[in-house]
Amino acid sequence: MFGIIFIEPLLQSFGASLEVLPQAKDYAFWMFIAALFNLPAQSLNCAARAESSVIISSIAVVVGAALNVLLDPIFMYSWGLNMGVQGASLATTISQCATFIILAVFYLSGRSIIKIHPKYFKLTASFLWEVVAIGIPTAVIQICLAVATSLTNIAAKPLPDADLIIAAYGVVQRLILIGCYVIMGFMQGYQPVASFAFGAKNKERFHDSVSFALKGTMLLTVIVAGVYILLAKPLILLFNNNPVIVDYGKWLLISQVILYPAFGLCYMMTITYQTIGSSKMGLFLSVIRQGLFYVPCILLLPKLFGVQGIYFSQPVADVFTIIICLFLIKPMKKIATENMR
């Protein structure tokens, strides 16, 4: 509700002009409404995956996504309702609502293993802290990604062709997010399995799941990196035809993924440390790649080497990230084994 009340000041603080402010306010309003459905839907979806109800989880997500894709053009374009950007946000709101309704019906029908009833909502300070401590590292990763993006734009601003570099980086970030979602989706499947094995003190299954997740993550990140490197120029062309933007975007994309396994390894280690109850180490790992290492690189290297400094910032940060993560694999296994005794 805070966001809805302060929509206009927030938009103005981000530089929204008076001309676009009304449309931006409408868009922001409906996106806030969408978030009100998204948050409980995400919670129910996590619960469904945790109890292995993957079919209903998949149905809810796919129906919501398909509905969003279907309604976007109907609401946005002149041959439909001609609502423009506001139509896109309204389509998102309806799709999120549909996802929430599907999951809510499943749980309220009594078919789920996890039962929703007021008598089960017994909130204690220790339980609340345990949940928050586990969730903080994932939130920090998202915050660090946002901060890294902002700092990259700031670092590019004094450079020649700054507007073109920033435009190219915006395209690259959209593509990188797709790769991130692939890894995050894999990790969402891994975490319940590892958590169940850890809670059951099944050492063999836990370590097998960790080994599988490690190998799977490395394979997926290598595949994503390979696809992006080989198809860098065609992928940028999907979003922009300006040859200068395409050239900047191609090299920015390659530089972002040349050591992409660092992201997979770091995220996998973060999830695993969360799973075994080592929230402090999970928090540390969530910060290192885009916070501890990337921030000083992006603040320093572009000043020394120009746009090449932007190209090199992520690979340099990834080298240090890989080194730290490799050193922490053995301690992670040791802590997990000790906590399962």
Protein backbone atom coordinates (compact mmCIF):
# COMPACT_ATOMS: atom_id res chain seq x y z
CA MET A 1 0.00 0.00 0.00
CA PHE A 2 2.98 2.32 0.63
CA GLY A 3 3.88 2.15 -3.07
CA ILE A 4 0.33 3.02 -4.21
CA ILE A 5 0.17 6.10 -1.93
CA PHE A 6 3.55 7.43 -3.05
CA ILE A 7 3.46 6.46 -6.74
CA GLU A 8 3.90 10.01 -8.08
CA PRO A 9 6.82 11.06 -5.83
CA LEU A 10 8.57 7.76 -6.53
CA LEU A 11 8.20 8.15 -10.30
CA GLN A 12 9.43 11.75 -10.15
CA SER A 13 12.45 10.67 -8.13
CA PHE A 14 13.34 8.27 -10.96
CA GLY A 15 13.11 11.07 -13.51
CA ALA A 16 9.65 10.53 -15.01
CA SER A 17 8.69 13.63 -17.02
CA LEU A 18 5.40 15.48 -16.60
CA GLU A 19 4.32 14.27 -20.05
CA VAL A 20 4.61 10.57 -19.24
CA LEU A 21 3.70 10.83 -15.56
CA PRO A 22 -0.06 10.08 -15.95
CA GLN A 23 0.62 6.94 -18.03
CA ALA A 24 3.42 5.90 -15.71
CA LYS A 25 1.12 6.34 -12.70
CA ASP A 26 -1.53 4.12 -14.27
CA TYR A 27 1.05 1.48 -15.13
CA ALA A 28 2.61 1.59 -11.66
CA PHE A 29 -0.81 1.41 -9.97
CA TRP A 30 -1.82 -1.79 -11.76
CA MET A 31 1.59 -3.33 -11.23
CA PHE A 32 1.23 -2.72 -7.48
CA ILE A 33 -2.16 -4.41 -7.62
CA ALA A 34 -0.57 -7.31 -9.51
CA ALA A 35 2.01 -7.60 -6.74
CA LEU A 36 -0.77 -8.00 -4.17
CA PHE A 37 -1.84 -11.18 -5.96
CA ASN A 38 1.70 -12.22 -6.85
CA LEU A 39 3.00 -12.38 -3.29
CA PRO A 40 0.45 -14.91 -1.93
CA ALA A 41 0.57 -16.80 -5.25
CA GLN A 42 4.33 -17.16 -4.90
CA SER A 43 3.93 -18.39 -1.33
CA LEU A 44 1.36 -21.01 -2.32
CA ASN A 45 3.48 -22.02 -5.29
CA CYS A 46 6.51 -22.58 -3.06
CA ALA A 47 4.35 -24.68 -0.73
CA ALA A 48 3.10 -26.74 -3.68
CA ARG A 49 6.64 -27.47 -4.83
CA ALA A 50 7.69 -28.31 -1.27
CA GLU A 51 4.99 -30.99 -1.02
CA SER A 52 5.83 -32.24 -4.56
CA SER A 53 2.55 -31.03 -6.05
CA VAL A 54 4.45 -29.97 -9.16
CA ILE A 55 1.53 -30.53 -11.54
CA ILE A 56 -0.72 -27.93 -9.93
CA SER A 57 2.28 -25.61 -9.54
CA SER A 58 3.09 -25.91 -13.24
CA ILE A 59 -0.55 -25.46 -14.27
CA ALA A 60 -0.89 -22.29 -12.21
CA VAL A 61 2.32 -20.74 -13.60
CA VAL A 62 1.68 -21.76 -17.22
CA VAL A 63 -1.95 -20.57 -17.18
CA GLY A 64 -0.89 -17.22 -15.71
CA ALA A 65 1.90 -16.74 -18.24
CA ALA A 66 -0.27 -17.81 -21.21
CA LEU A 67 -3.08 -15.52 -20.09
CA ASN A 68 -0.66 -12.61 -19.85
CA VAL A 69 0.65 -13.23 -23.37
CA LEU A 70 -2.91 -13.56 -24.72
CA LEU A 71 -4.32 -10.46 -23.01
CA ASP A 72 -1.37 -8.11 -23.69
CA PRO A 73 -2.16 -7.42 -27.37
CA ILE A 74 -5.93 -7.41 -26.75
CA PHE A 75 -5.63 -4.74 -24.08
CA MET A 76 -2.77 -2.74 -25.65
CA TYR A 77 -3.38 -2.38 -29.39
CA SER A 78 -5.87 -0.27 -31.31
CA TRP A 79 -7.68 -3.30 -32.75
CA GLY A 80 -8.44 -4.35 -29.18
CA LEU A 81 -9.18 -2.16 -26.17
CA ASN A 82 -6.41 0.34 -27.11
CA MET A 83 -5.30 0.84 -23.50
CA GLY A 84 -1.59 1.07 -24.30
CA VAL A 85 0.85 0.57 -21.44
CA GLN A 86 -1.98 0.56 -18.92
CA GLY A 87 -3.43 -2.43 -20.77
CA ALA A 88 -0.16 -4.32 -20.38
CA SER A 89 -0.18 -3.75 -16.62
CA LEU A 90 -3.86 -4.74 -16.39
CA ALA A 91 -3.11 -7.95 -18.30
CA THR A 92 -0.35 -8.74 -15.81
CA THR A 93 -2.74 -8.09 -12.92
CA ILE A 94 -5.37 -10.46 -14.32
CA SER A 95 -2.79 -13.19 -15.02
CA GLN A 96 -1.38 -12.97 -11.50
CA CYS A 97 -4.91 -13.11 -10.12
CA ALA A 98 -5.60 -16.26 -12.17
CA THR A 99 -2.44 -17.94 -10.84
CA PHE A 100 -3.43 -17.09 -7.29
CA ILE A 101 -7.01 -18.38 -7.74
CA ILE A 102 -5.82 -21.74 -9.16
CA LEU A 103 -3.46 -22.30 -6.22
CA ALA A 104 -5.95 -21.03 -3.64
CA VAL A 105 -8.68 -23.38 -4.92
CA PHE A 106 -6.24 -26.30 -4.73
CA TYR A 107 -5.41 -25.59 -1.10
CA LEU A 108 -8.91 -24.69 0.03
CA SER A 109 -10.32 -27.85 -1.59
CA GLY A 110 -8.42 -30.02 0.90
CA ARG A 111 -6.53 -31.97 -1.79
CA SER A 112 -3.15 -30.64 -0.68
CA ILE A 113 -0.86 -32.28 1.86
CA ILE A 114 -0.29 -28.92 3.51
CA LYS A 115 -3.58 -27.76 5.05
CA ILE A 116 -4.48 -24.09 5.37
CA HIS A 117 -6.44 -23.35 8.52
CA PRO A 118 -6.30 -20.48 11.04
CA LYS A 119 -5.33 -22.89 13.83
CA TYR A 120 -2.04 -23.62 12.05
CA PHE A 121 -1.00 -19.96 11.96
CA LYS A 122 1.01 -19.82 15.16
CA LEU A 123 3.58 -17.11 14.63
CA THR A 124 6.52 -16.96 17.02
CA ALA A 125 9.55 -14.68 16.97
CA SER A 126 11.99 -17.58 16.59
CA PHE A 127 10.01 -19.14 13.73
CA LEU A 128 9.66 -15.77 11.98
CA TRP A 129 13.38 -15.11 12.25
CA GLU A 130 14.19 -18.58 10.92
CA VAL A 131 12.07 -17.96 7.81
CA VAL A 132 13.40 -14.44 7.29
CA ALA A 133 17.02 -15.55 7.78
CA ILE A 134 16.62 -18.21 5.10
CA GLY A 135 14.98 -15.78 2.68
CA ILE A 136 17.32 -12.82 3.14
CA PRO A 137 20.15 -14.14 0.89
CA THR A 138 17.81 -14.57 -2.07
CA ALA A 139 16.46 -11.05 -1.56
CA VAL A 140 20.01 -9.71 -1.31
CA ILE A 141 20.92 -11.35 -4.63
CA GLN A 142 18.05 -9.50 -6.32
CA ILE A 143 19.04 -6.22 -4.65
CA CYS A 144 22.67 -6.66 -5.72
CA LEU A 145 21.58 -7.30 -9.31
CA ALA A 146 19.58 -4.06 -9.28
CA VAL A 147 22.43 -2.10 -7.72
CA ALA A 148 24.91 -3.54 -10.24
CA THR A 149 22.66 -2.49 -13.13
CA SER A 150 22.32 1.04 -11.76
CA LEU A 151 26.05 1.42 -11.18
CA THR A 152 26.80 0.15 -14.68
CA ASN A 153 24.54 2.82 -16.15
CA ILE A 154 26.22 5.44 -13.96
CA ALA A 155 29.67 4.23 -15.03
CA ALA A 156 28.68 4.46 -18.71
CA LYS A 157 27.25 7.98 -18.45
CA PRO A 158 30.58 9.92 -18.75
CA LEU A 159 31.78 7.78 -21.68
CA PRO A 160 31.46 8.64 -25.39
CA ASP A 161 28.30 7.12 -26.87
CA ALA A 162 26.92 6.86 -23.33
CA ASP A 163 23.29 6.73 -24.47
CA LEU A 164 24.05 3.96 -26.94
CA ILE A 165 26.02 1.95 -24.38
CA ILE A 166 23.20 2.26 -21.83
CA ALA A 167 20.63 1.25 -24.44
CA ALA A 168 22.74 -1.78 -25.36
CA TYR A 169 23.18 -2.71 -21.71
CA GLY A 170 19.42 -2.54 -21.19
CA VAL A 171 18.94 -5.12 -23.95
CA VAL A 172 21.70 -7.31 -22.52
CA GLN A 173 20.13 -7.25 -19.06
CA ARG A 174 16.84 -8.58 -20.45
CA LEU A 175 18.70 -11.48 -22.05
CA ILE A 176 20.76 -12.13 -18.91
CA LEU A 177 17.58 -12.31 -16.83
CA ILE A 178 16.34 -15.16 -19.02
CA GLY A 179 19.53 -17.06 -18.27
CA CYS A 180 19.17 -16.28 -14.57
CA TYR A 181 15.63 -17.64 -14.55
CA VAL A 182 16.83 -20.92 -16.07
CA ILE A 183 19.29 -21.41 -13.21
CA MET A 184 16.88 -20.17 -10.56
CA GLY A 185 14.22 -22.57 -11.79
CA PHE A 186 16.65 -25.47 -11.54
CA MET A 187 17.59 -24.38 -8.02
CA GLN A 188 13.93 -24.18 -6.99
CA GLY A 189 13.65 -27.85 -7.89
CA TYR A 190 16.87 -28.71 -6.08
CA GLN A 191 16.19 -26.94 -2.79
CA PRO A 192 13.14 -28.97 -1.63
CA VAL A 193 14.95 -32.24 -2.39
CA ALA A 194 18.07 -31.19 -0.51
CA SER A 195 16.01 -29.73 2.36
CA PHE A 196 14.00 -32.93 2.76
CA ALA A 197 17.14 -35.08 2.79
CA PHE A 198 18.84 -32.73 5.25
CA GLY A 199 15.80 -32.65 7.56
CA ALA A 200 15.54 -36.45 7.42
CA LYS A 201 19.29 -36.70 8.19
CA ASN A 202 19.74 -38.79 5.06
CA LYS A 203 23.40 -38.00 4.44
CA GLU A 204 23.78 -40.06 1.30
CA ARG A 205 20.76 -38.56 -0.44
CA PHE A 206 21.71 -35.04 0.62
CA HIS A 207 25.25 -35.30 -0.73
CA ASP A 208 23.96 -36.98 -3.91
CA SER A 209 21.55 -34.10 -4.46
CA VAL A 210 24.31 -31.55 -3.87
CA SER A 211 26.58 -33.33 -6.34
CA PHE A 212 23.80 -33.53 -8.93
CA ALA A 213 22.90 -29.86 -8.46
CA LEU A 214 26.52 -28.82 -8.79
CA LYS A 215 27.00 -30.75 -12.04
CA GLY A 216 23.60 -29.70 -13.39
CA THR A 217 24.20 -26.04 -12.62
CA MET A 218 27.59 -26.05 -14.29
CA LEU A 219 26.14 -27.75 -17.38
CA LEU A 220 23.21 -25.33 -17.63
CA THR A 221 25.38 -22.24 -17.22
CA VAL A 222 27.84 -23.48 -19.83
CA ILE A 223 24.96 -24.11 -22.26
CA VAL A 224 23.43 -20.68 -21.60
CA ALA A 225 26.82 -19.01 -21.98
CA GLY A 226 27.54 -20.93 -25.19
CA VAL A 227 24.20 -19.97 -26.75
CA TYR A 228 24.61 -16.31 -25.82
CA ILE A 229 28.20 -16.13 -27.08
CA LEU A 230 27.46 -17.87 -30.39
CA LEU A 231 24.23 -15.94 -31.01
CA ALA A 232 25.19 -12.62 -29.40
CA LYS A 233 24.66 -10.44 -32.46
CA PRO A 234 21.38 -12.05 -33.67
CA LEU A 235 19.95 -11.86 -30.15
CA ILE A 236 20.71 -8.14 -29.85
CA LEU A 237 19.20 -7.59 -33.29
CA LEU A 238 15.91 -8.95 -31.99
CA PHE A 239 15.63 -5.84 -29.84
CA ASN A 240 17.47 -3.13 -31.79
CA ASN A 241 18.72 -2.58 -35.34
CA ASN A 242 21.09 0.31 -34.63
CA PRO A 243 24.53 -1.06 -35.71
CA VAL A 244 26.38 0.81 -32.95
CA ILE A 245 24.02 -0.48 -30.25
CA VAL A 246 24.26 -3.97 -31.72
CA ASP A 247 28.07 -3.85 -31.59
CA TYR A 248 28.15 -2.60 -28.00
CA GLY A 249 25.44 -5.07 -27.03
CA LYS A 250 27.26 -8.01 -28.59
CA TRP A 251 30.42 -7.42 -26.58
CA LEU A 252 28.50 -6.55 -23.41
CA LEU A 253 26.55 -9.81 -23.66
CA ILE A 254 29.69 -11.86 -24.27
CA SER A 255 31.48 -10.21 -21.35
CA GLN A 256 28.52 -10.86 -19.04
CA VAL A 257 28.41 -14.62 -19.76
CA ILE A 258 32.01 -15.53 -20.58
CA LEU A 259 32.37 -16.83 -17.00
CA TYR A 260 28.66 -17.39 -16.38
CA PRO A 261 29.24 -20.61 -14.38
CA ALA A 262 30.27 -18.25 -11.57
CA PHE A 263 26.63 -17.20 -11.19
CA GLY A 264 25.38 -20.80 -11.14
CA LEU A 265 28.04 -21.95 -8.69
CA CYS A 266 27.49 -18.99 -6.35
CA TYR A 267 23.70 -19.30 -6.43
CA MET A 268 23.85 -23.05 -5.85
CA MET A 269 26.19 -22.57 -2.90
CA THR A 270 23.96 -19.83 -1.48
CA ILE A 271 20.90 -22.10 -1.65
CA THR A 272 22.80 -25.01 -0.11
CA TYR A 273 24.12 -22.98 2.82
CA GLN A 274 20.59 -21.71 3.42
CA THR A 275 19.33 -25.30 3.37
CA ILE A 276 21.77 -26.50 6.04
CA GLY A 277 20.90 -23.59 8.32
CA SER A 278 24.07 -21.56 7.76
CA SER A 279 22.27 -18.32 6.99
CA LYS A 280 25.28 -16.08 7.62
CA MET A 281 27.36 -17.90 5.02
CA GLY A 282 24.39 -17.86 2.66
CA LEU A 283 24.14 -14.10 3.14
CA PHE A 284 27.87 -13.68 2.47
CA LEU A 285 27.67 -15.69 -0.74
CA SER A 286 24.64 -13.73 -1.93
CA VAL A 287 26.67 -10.53 -1.75
CA ILE A 288 30.05 -11.48 -3.19
CA ARG A 289 29.45 -11.65 -6.96
CA GLN A 290 27.45 -8.52 -7.74
CA GLY A 291 28.20 -6.70 -4.51
CA LEU A 292 31.62 -7.34 -3.03
CA PHE A 293 33.45 -7.92 -6.32
CA TYR A 294 31.46 -6.31 -9.14
CA VAL A 295 30.81 -2.97 -7.46
CA PRO A 296 34.48 -1.95 -7.06
CA CYS A 297 35.24 -3.24 -10.57
CA ILE A 298 32.48 -1.21 -12.23
CA LEU A 299 33.39 1.88 -10.21
CA LEU A 300 37.11 1.69 -11.09
CA LEU A 301 37.71 -0.08 -14.43
CA PRO A 302 35.56 2.16 -16.72
CA LYS A 303 37.44 5.20 -15.42
CA LEU A 304 40.73 3.56 -16.38
CA PHE A 305 39.81 1.76 -19.60
CA GLY A 306 36.57 3.32 -20.85
CA VAL A 307 33.96 0.98 -22.29
CA GLN A 308 36.46 -1.89 -22.16
CA GLY A 309 36.40 -1.43 -18.39
CA ILE A 310 32.67 -2.18 -18.46
CA TYR A 311 33.37 -5.27 -20.57
CA PHE A 312 35.97 -6.56 -18.10
CA SER A 313 34.13 -5.76 -14.84
CA GLN A 314 31.91 -8.85 -14.78
CA PRO A 315 34.61 -11.38 -15.81
CA VAL A 316 36.99 -10.04 -13.15
CA ALA A 317 34.25 -10.26 -10.50
CA ASP A 318 33.40 -13.78 -11.67
CA VAL A 319 37.00 -14.99 -11.34
CA PHE A 320 37.08 -13.98 -7.67
CA THR A 321 33.58 -15.43 -7.15
CA ILE A 322 34.61 -18.83 -8.52
CA ILE A 323 37.72 -18.91 -6.32
CA ILE A 324 35.75 -18.14 -3.14
CA CYS A 325 33.01 -20.66 -3.96
CA LEU A 326 35.45 -23.47 -4.71
CA PHE A 327 37.11 -22.93 -1.33
CA LEU A 328 33.72 -23.10 0.42
CA ILE A 329 32.48 -26.37 -1.09
CA LYS A 330 34.39 -28.59 1.36
CA PRO A 331 33.36 -26.58 4.48
CA MET A 332 29.74 -26.70 3.28
CA LYS A 333 29.80 -30.50 3.08
CA LYS A 334 31.46 -30.71 6.49
CA ILE A 335 28.88 -28.44 8.15
CA ALA A 336 26.03 -30.37 6.54
CA THR A 337 27.41 -33.72 7.73
CA GLU A 338 27.88 -32.44 11.28
CA ASN A 339 24.35 -31.02 11.40
CA MET A 340 22.85 -34.32 10.23
CA ARG A 341 24.28 -36.36 13.10
